[in-house]
Amino acid sequence: MDMKQITDPQVALTGPREIVKERGLLGGEAPVSSGLAKEYWLELVQYPEDSARSLWLNVDDQWRCFHSPNAQIQNAVQNAFNNPKQFDVLVWYQDIKIVGLVVHSKG
């Protein structure tokens, strides 16, 4: 069976549309937009100390924030940026808050 990969972040979902809506990721206060990350910045130590450590991704020419990324997310994003010919990072966001991301293989 030939499976077509969806690479357009406007139509790609990380789950069935009904589940994504149920979790409040579509149709919230601000509209959900999507795009490809061009750069990343990982806070190794949070500042101020009482805030969440964050992963920042530059999407649509603005820095967007994902709070408290786990080691698996950090490694996947770093690997994607270390291998830009093989991977893209697709991001869904509301204003500056990242509500979803996928590391996508180009191959």
N, C-alpha and C. Protein backbone atom coordinates (compact mmCIF):
# COMPACT_ATOMS: atom_id res chain seq x y z
N MET A 1 0.85 -1.17 0.00
CA MET A 1 0.00 0.00 0.00
C MET A 1 0.89 1.23 0.00
N ASP A 2 0.60 2.17 -0.88
CA ASP A 2 1.36 3.42 -0.97
C ASP A 2 0.73 4.45 -0.04
N MET A 3 1.50 4.89 0.94
CA MET A 3 0.99 5.87 1.90
C MET A 3 1.59 7.23 1.61
N LYS A 4 0.76 8.23 1.47
CA LYS A 4 1.21 9.59 1.21
C LYS A 4 1.39 10.32 2.54
N GLN A 5 2.55 10.93 2.72
CA GLN A 5 2.79 11.69 3.93
C GLN A 5 2.23 13.10 3.76
N ILE A 6 1.61 13.61 4.81
CA ILE A 6 1.09 14.97 4.79
C ILE A 6 2.16 15.87 5.39
N THR A 7 2.69 16.76 4.57
CA THR A 7 3.75 17.64 5.05
C THR A 7 3.28 19.08 5.20
N ASP A 8 2.08 19.38 4.75
CA ASP A 8 1.55 20.73 4.89
C ASP A 8 1.03 20.91 6.31
N PRO A 9 1.68 21.77 7.13
CA PRO A 9 1.24 21.91 8.52
C PRO A 9 -0.16 22.47 8.67
N GLN A 10 -0.73 23.04 7.60
CA GLN A 10 -2.09 23.55 7.69
C GLN A 10 -3.11 22.41 7.73
N VAL A 11 -2.78 21.26 7.15
CA VAL A 11 -3.73 20.16 7.12
C VAL A 11 -3.29 18.96 7.95
N ALA A 12 -2.03 18.89 8.33
CA ALA A 12 -1.55 17.76 9.11
C ALA A 12 -2.03 17.89 10.55
N LEU A 13 -2.50 16.80 11.11
CA LEU A 13 -2.92 16.76 12.51
C LEU A 13 -2.14 15.67 13.21
N THR A 14 -1.95 15.79 14.50
CA THR A 14 -1.26 14.75 15.25
C THR A 14 -2.24 13.73 15.79
N GLY A 15 -3.50 13.86 15.46
CA GLY A 15 -4.52 12.92 15.89
C GLY A 15 -5.79 13.19 15.12
N PRO A 16 -6.79 12.34 15.31
CA PRO A 16 -8.07 12.58 14.63
C PRO A 16 -8.62 13.95 14.98
N ARG A 17 -9.23 14.62 14.02
CA ARG A 17 -9.75 15.97 14.19
C ARG A 17 -10.66 16.08 15.41
N GLU A 18 -11.49 15.05 15.66
CA GLU A 18 -12.41 15.11 16.79
C GLU A 18 -11.64 15.17 18.12
N ILE A 19 -10.55 14.40 18.22
CA ILE A 19 -9.76 14.39 19.44
C ILE A 19 -9.04 15.72 19.61
N VAL A 20 -8.50 16.26 18.53
CA VAL A 20 -7.80 17.55 18.60
C VAL A 20 -8.77 18.63 19.04
N LYS A 21 -9.99 18.64 18.50
CA LYS A 21 -11.00 19.63 18.93
C LYS A 21 -11.36 19.43 20.39
N GLU A 22 -11.54 18.19 20.80
CA GLU A 22 -11.93 17.88 22.17
C GLU A 22 -10.89 18.39 23.17
N ARG A 23 -9.63 18.30 22.81
CA ARG A 23 -8.56 18.77 23.70
C ARG A 23 -8.41 20.28 23.67
N GLY A 24 -9.21 20.96 22.85
CA GLY A 24 -9.20 22.41 22.84
C GLY A 24 -8.09 23.01 21.99
N LEU A 25 -7.49 22.22 21.11
CA LEU A 25 -6.40 22.74 20.30
C LEU A 25 -6.90 23.43 19.04
N LEU A 26 -8.15 23.25 18.70
CA LEU A 26 -8.73 23.97 17.57
C LEU A 26 -9.91 24.78 18.08
N GLY A 27 -10.01 26.02 17.69
CA GLY A 27 -11.15 26.83 18.06
C GLY A 27 -11.10 27.40 19.46
N GLY A 28 -9.90 27.62 20.00
CA GLY A 28 -9.78 28.22 21.33
C GLY A 28 -9.90 29.71 21.26
N GLU A 29 -9.36 30.41 22.26
CA GLU A 29 -9.43 31.86 22.29
C GLU A 29 -8.76 32.47 21.06
N ALA A 30 -7.54 32.05 20.80
CA ALA A 30 -6.82 32.53 19.61
C ALA A 30 -6.83 31.41 18.59
N PRO A 31 -6.86 31.75 17.32
CA PRO A 31 -6.83 30.69 16.30
C PRO A 31 -5.51 29.94 16.33
N VAL A 32 -5.55 28.67 16.00
CA VAL A 32 -4.34 27.86 15.90
C VAL A 32 -3.77 28.05 14.51
N SER A 33 -2.50 28.41 14.46
CA SER A 33 -1.79 28.55 13.20
C SER A 33 -0.68 27.52 13.18
N SER A 34 -0.05 27.35 12.03
CA SER A 34 1.01 26.37 11.94
C SER A 34 2.07 26.82 10.96
N GLY A 35 3.24 26.24 11.10
CA GLY A 35 4.34 26.55 10.19
C GLY A 35 5.55 25.70 10.50
N LEU A 36 6.58 25.89 9.70
CA LEU A 36 7.84 25.18 9.88
C LEU A 36 8.77 25.99 10.76
N ALA A 37 9.42 25.32 11.71
CA ALA A 37 10.40 25.99 12.56
C ALA A 37 11.69 26.19 11.78
N LYS A 38 12.27 27.39 11.88
CA LYS A 38 13.51 27.72 11.16
C LYS A 38 14.73 27.70 12.09
N GLU A 39 14.50 27.96 13.38
CA GLU A 39 15.58 27.98 14.38
C GLU A 39 15.02 27.47 15.69
N TYR A 40 15.93 27.04 16.58
CA TYR A 40 15.48 26.68 17.92
C TYR A 40 16.44 27.23 18.96
N TRP A 41 15.91 27.36 20.17
CA TRP A 41 16.68 27.87 21.31
C TRP A 41 16.15 27.13 22.53
N LEU A 42 17.01 26.36 23.17
CA LEU A 42 16.62 25.57 24.32
C LEU A 42 17.22 26.18 25.58
N GLU A 43 16.37 26.55 26.52
CA GLU A 43 16.84 27.06 27.81
C GLU A 43 17.34 25.88 28.63
N LEU A 44 18.61 25.88 28.98
CA LEU A 44 19.16 24.81 29.79
C LEU A 44 18.88 25.03 31.28
N VAL A 45 18.77 26.28 31.68
CA VAL A 45 18.38 26.65 33.03
C VAL A 45 17.29 27.71 32.90
N GLN A 46 16.17 27.50 33.57
CA GLN A 46 15.07 28.46 33.46
C GLN A 46 15.42 29.77 34.17
N TYR A 47 14.92 30.84 33.61
CA TYR A 47 15.08 32.16 34.24
C TYR A 47 13.81 32.95 34.01
N PRO A 48 13.22 33.52 35.02
CA PRO A 48 13.61 33.44 36.42
C PRO A 48 13.47 32.00 36.94
N GLU A 49 14.08 31.74 38.09
CA GLU A 49 14.17 30.38 38.62
C GLU A 49 12.82 29.71 38.84
N ASP A 50 11.78 30.47 39.16
CA ASP A 50 10.48 29.87 39.44
C ASP A 50 9.63 29.67 38.18
N SER A 51 10.16 29.96 37.00
CA SER A 51 9.42 29.76 35.76
C SER A 51 9.75 28.38 35.18
N ALA A 52 8.98 27.96 34.19
CA ALA A 52 9.24 26.69 33.52
C ALA A 52 10.36 26.86 32.51
N ARG A 53 11.23 25.86 32.43
CA ARG A 53 12.27 25.85 31.40
C ARG A 53 11.55 25.69 30.07
N SER A 54 12.05 26.34 29.01
CA SER A 54 11.30 26.37 27.75
C SER A 54 12.17 26.04 26.54
N LEU A 55 11.49 25.54 25.52
CA LEU A 55 12.06 25.35 24.19
C LEU A 55 11.41 26.41 23.32
N TRP A 56 12.25 27.20 22.64
CA TRP A 56 11.74 28.26 21.78
C TRP A 56 12.01 27.88 20.33
N LEU A 57 11.02 28.05 19.46
CA LEU A 57 11.17 27.77 18.03
C LEU A 57 10.76 29.00 17.25
N ASN A 58 11.55 29.35 16.25
CA ASN A 58 11.24 30.48 15.39
C ASN A 58 10.35 29.97 14.26
N VAL A 59 9.08 30.36 14.32
CA VAL A 59 8.08 29.93 13.34
C VAL A 59 7.40 31.17 12.79
N ASP A 60 7.31 31.27 11.49
CA ASP A 60 6.69 32.44 10.85
C ASP A 60 7.32 33.75 11.33
N ASP A 61 8.64 33.75 11.45
CA ASP A 61 9.43 34.92 11.82
C ASP A 61 9.12 35.47 13.20
N GLN A 62 8.69 34.60 14.13
CA GLN A 62 8.48 35.00 15.51
C GLN A 62 8.84 33.83 16.42
N TRP A 63 9.48 34.14 17.56
CA TRP A 63 9.83 33.10 18.52
C TRP A 63 8.58 32.64 19.26
N ARG A 64 8.40 31.32 19.32
CA ARG A 64 7.24 30.71 19.97
C ARG A 64 7.75 29.74 21.04
N CYS A 65 6.98 29.59 22.12
CA CYS A 65 7.46 28.93 23.32
C CYS A 65 6.72 27.62 23.62
N PHE A 66 7.49 26.59 23.99
CA PHE A 66 6.95 25.33 24.49
C PHE A 66 7.54 25.14 25.88
N HIS A 67 6.70 25.18 26.93
CA HIS A 67 7.17 25.09 28.31
C HIS A 67 7.42 23.65 28.73
N SER A 68 8.45 23.46 29.51
CA SER A 68 8.81 22.19 30.14
C SER A 68 8.93 21.02 29.16
N PRO A 69 9.74 21.15 28.12
CA PRO A 69 9.90 20.02 27.19
C PRO A 69 10.64 18.88 27.88
N ASN A 70 10.23 17.64 27.59
CA ASN A 70 10.93 16.51 28.18
C ASN A 70 12.18 16.19 27.32
N ALA A 71 13.00 15.27 27.80
CA ALA A 71 14.26 14.93 27.12
C ALA A 71 14.01 14.40 25.72
N GLN A 72 12.95 13.64 25.52
CA GLN A 72 12.65 13.07 24.20
C GLN A 72 12.35 14.18 23.19
N ILE A 73 11.57 15.17 23.58
CA ILE A 73 11.25 16.29 22.70
C ILE A 73 12.52 17.09 22.40
N GLN A 74 13.30 17.39 23.41
CA GLN A 74 14.54 18.14 23.21
C GLN A 74 15.45 17.42 22.22
N ASN A 75 15.64 16.11 22.41
CA ASN A 75 16.52 15.34 21.53
C ASN A 75 16.00 15.28 20.11
N ALA A 76 14.69 15.10 19.94
CA ALA A 76 14.11 15.01 18.60
C ALA A 76 14.26 16.33 17.84
N VAL A 77 14.01 17.45 18.52
CA VAL A 77 14.14 18.76 17.87
C VAL A 77 15.61 19.04 17.54
N GLN A 78 16.50 18.77 18.48
CA GLN A 78 17.92 18.99 18.23
C GLN A 78 18.41 18.12 17.07
N ASN A 79 17.99 16.86 17.02
CA ASN A 79 18.36 15.97 15.93
C ASN A 79 17.84 16.50 14.59
N ALA A 80 16.62 17.02 14.59
CA ALA A 80 16.05 17.57 13.35
C ALA A 80 16.88 18.74 12.84
N PHE A 81 17.27 19.64 13.73
CA PHE A 81 18.07 20.79 13.30
C PHE A 81 19.51 20.41 12.96
N ASN A 82 20.00 19.31 13.53
CA ASN A 82 21.33 18.82 13.16
C ASN A 82 21.33 18.11 11.82
N ASN A 83 20.15 17.70 11.36
CA ASN A 83 20.00 16.99 10.09
C ASN A 83 18.90 17.63 9.24
N PRO A 84 19.08 18.89 8.82
CA PRO A 84 18.00 19.61 8.13
C PRO A 84 17.63 19.05 6.76
N LYS A 85 18.50 18.26 6.16
CA LYS A 85 18.15 17.65 4.87
C LYS A 85 17.22 16.45 5.06
N GLN A 86 17.17 15.92 6.28
CA GLN A 86 16.35 14.74 6.56
C GLN A 86 15.06 15.04 7.31
N PHE A 87 15.04 16.14 8.11
CA PHE A 87 13.89 16.39 8.98
C PHE A 87 13.42 17.84 8.94
N ASP A 88 12.12 18.02 9.17
CA ASP A 88 11.48 19.31 9.42
C ASP A 88 10.84 19.25 10.80
N VAL A 89 10.65 20.41 11.41
CA VAL A 89 9.88 20.50 12.65
C VAL A 89 8.62 21.30 12.33
N LEU A 90 7.47 20.62 12.34
CA LEU A 90 6.18 21.26 12.09
C LEU A 90 5.61 21.70 13.43
N VAL A 91 5.10 22.94 13.50
CA VAL A 91 4.65 23.51 14.77
C VAL A 91 3.24 24.07 14.63
N TRP A 92 2.41 23.81 15.64
CA TRP A 92 1.09 24.42 15.77
C TRP A 92 1.16 25.36 16.96
N TYR A 93 0.63 26.58 16.81
CA TYR A 93 0.77 27.56 17.89
C TYR A 93 -0.45 28.47 17.97
N GLN A 94 -0.65 29.04 19.17
CA GLN A 94 -1.63 30.09 19.43
C GLN A 94 -0.82 31.26 19.98
N ASP A 95 -0.78 32.35 19.27
CA ASP A 95 0.07 33.49 19.63
C ASP A 95 1.51 33.00 19.76
N ILE A 96 2.13 33.14 20.95
CA ILE A 96 3.51 32.66 21.07
C ILE A 96 3.60 31.27 21.72
N LYS A 97 2.47 30.71 22.12
CA LYS A 97 2.46 29.40 22.79
C LYS A 97 2.37 28.27 21.77
N ILE A 98 3.31 27.33 21.86
CA ILE A 98 3.28 26.15 21.00
C ILE A 98 2.30 25.15 21.61
N VAL A 99 1.32 24.70 20.81
CA VAL A 99 0.33 23.75 21.29
C VAL A 99 0.57 22.36 20.70
N GLY A 100 1.49 22.24 19.76
CA GLY A 100 1.83 20.94 19.20
C GLY A 100 3.03 21.04 18.29
N LEU A 101 3.77 19.95 18.20
CA LEU A 101 4.89 19.92 17.26
C LEU A 101 5.16 18.48 16.85
N VAL A 102 5.69 18.34 15.65
CA VAL A 102 6.03 17.04 15.08
C VAL A 102 7.36 17.17 14.38
N VAL A 103 8.27 16.23 14.62
CA VAL A 103 9.49 16.13 13.83
C VAL A 103 9.16 15.20 12.69
N HIS A 104 9.27 15.72 11.47
CA HIS A 104 8.82 15.04 10.27
C HIS A 104 10.00 14.65 9.39
N SER A 105 10.05 13.39 9.01
CA SER A 105 11.09 12.90 8.11
C SER A 105 10.77 13.32 6.68
N LYS A 106 11.75 13.86 5.98
CA LYS A 106 11.56 14.27 4.59
C LYS A 106 11.68 13.09 3.64
N GLY A 107 12.22 11.98 4.13
CA GLY A 107 12.49 10.82 3.26
C GLY A 107 11.42 9.85 3.14
